[in-house]
Amino acid sequence: MRKEVAFKNRDRFIQLGIAISSLRKVRGMSQEKLAEKANISRSLLSIIEAPNTANSFSLETLYDIADALNVTPADLINASVFPDEIINRKQEE
């Protein structure tokens, strides 16, 4: 059972999900591929990325997703528009 997100953090979790989804798509990755690289389930990733819903998830999951996208967790947290440096960063195979 997931912990309900406090009202004050709702927009933060929504923004984070949008940032993850956006960068995943820019990288040309499916949810399945990102989930596999981050060692999480596709259904969890789908919940995190779901638009207009705030779903909490662990810091470890954030670290794993960031590593799979080849960015820092701070890049995802601070993202509103990704700079070219992040968008063009090559994926490690």
Protein backbone atom coordinates (compact mmCIF):
# COMPACT_ATOMS: atom_id res chain seq x y z
CA MET A 1 0.00 0.00 0.00
CA ARG A 2 1.36 3.38 -1.02
CA LYS A 3 1.62 6.31 1.34
CA GLU A 4 -0.67 9.14 0.33
CA VAL A 5 1.18 12.21 -0.89
CA ALA A 6 0.73 15.31 1.27
CA PHE A 7 -1.10 18.14 -0.48
CA LYS A 8 1.97 20.39 -0.29
CA ASN A 9 4.02 17.81 -2.23
CA ARG A 10 1.41 16.82 -4.80
CA ASP A 11 2.66 19.12 -7.57
CA ARG A 12 6.25 18.06 -6.89
CA PHE A 13 5.48 14.40 -7.49
CA ILE A 14 3.45 15.21 -10.61
CA GLN A 15 6.34 17.33 -11.96
CA LEU A 16 8.81 14.54 -11.22
CA GLY A 17 6.66 12.00 -13.07
CA ILE A 18 6.38 14.33 -16.05
CA ALA A 19 10.15 14.89 -16.06
CA ILE A 20 10.83 11.16 -16.02
CA SER A 21 8.29 10.50 -18.77
CA SER A 22 9.56 13.36 -20.94
CA LEU A 23 13.22 12.40 -20.72
CA ARG A 24 12.38 8.73 -21.30
CA LYS A 25 10.58 9.68 -24.52
CA VAL A 26 13.39 12.02 -25.64
CA ARG A 27 15.77 9.10 -25.12
CA GLY A 28 13.54 6.94 -27.33
CA MET A 29 12.90 4.45 -24.56
CA SER A 30 9.71 2.54 -23.91
CA GLN A 31 8.40 2.18 -20.38
CA GLU A 32 9.41 -1.47 -20.58
CA LYS A 33 13.01 -0.61 -21.48
CA LEU A 34 13.40 2.05 -18.79
CA ALA A 35 11.81 -0.18 -16.17
CA GLU A 36 14.19 -2.99 -17.13
CA LYS A 37 17.25 -0.71 -16.93
CA ALA A 38 16.08 0.70 -13.59
CA ASN A 39 15.24 -2.75 -12.25
CA ILE A 40 11.66 -1.81 -11.41
CA SER A 41 8.35 -3.07 -12.76
CA ARG A 42 6.76 -1.42 -15.77
CA SER A 43 3.57 -1.02 -13.75
CA LEU A 44 5.44 1.00 -11.09
CA LEU A 45 6.95 3.22 -13.78
CA SER A 46 3.51 3.69 -15.29
CA ILE A 47 2.16 4.78 -11.89
CA ILE A 48 5.06 7.23 -11.41
CA GLU A 49 4.57 8.73 -14.89
CA ALA A 50 0.75 8.88 -14.72
CA PRO A 51 -0.26 12.46 -15.57
CA ASN A 52 -2.13 14.52 -12.99
CA THR A 53 -1.71 11.93 -10.26
CA ALA A 54 0.72 12.20 -7.38
CA ASN A 55 2.17 8.86 -6.34
CA SER A 56 4.96 8.53 -3.82
CA PHE A 57 7.89 6.22 -4.45
CA SER A 58 11.17 5.49 -2.74
CA LEU A 59 14.36 7.46 -3.01
CA GLU A 60 16.07 4.25 -4.13
CA THR A 61 13.62 4.04 -7.05
CA LEU A 62 14.42 7.65 -7.97
CA TYR A 63 18.15 6.85 -7.93
CA ASP A 64 17.62 3.76 -10.09
CA ILE A 65 15.52 5.68 -12.64
CA ALA A 66 18.05 8.52 -12.76
CA ASP A 67 20.90 6.06 -13.33
CA ALA A 68 18.94 4.35 -16.11
CA LEU A 69 18.37 7.74 -17.78
CA ASN A 70 22.03 8.74 -17.25
CA VAL A 71 21.19 11.84 -15.20
CA THR A 72 21.45 12.77 -11.55
CA PRO A 73 18.39 12.58 -9.31
CA ALA A 74 18.76 16.36 -8.95
CA ASP A 75 18.41 16.75 -12.72
CA LEU A 76 15.02 15.05 -12.53
CA ILE A 77 13.89 16.93 -9.44
CA ASN A 78 14.91 20.30 -10.83
CA ALA A 79 13.66 19.66 -14.36
CA SER A 80 11.14 21.90 -15.94
CA VAL A 81 12.97 22.17 -19.24
CA PHE A 82 15.98 19.95 -19.86
CA PRO A 83 19.06 21.74 -21.21
CA ASP A 84 20.60 20.42 -24.42
CA GLU A 85 23.47 18.90 -22.42
CA ILE A 86 21.07 16.45 -20.76
CA ILE A 87 18.92 15.79 -23.82
CA ASN A 88 21.94 15.02 -25.99
CA ARG A 89 23.83 12.94 -23.40
CA LYS A 90 24.47 9.49 -24.88
CA GLN A 91 22.92 6.43 -23.27
CA GLU A 92 25.25 3.76 -22.02
CA GLU A 93 24.40 0.36 -23.44
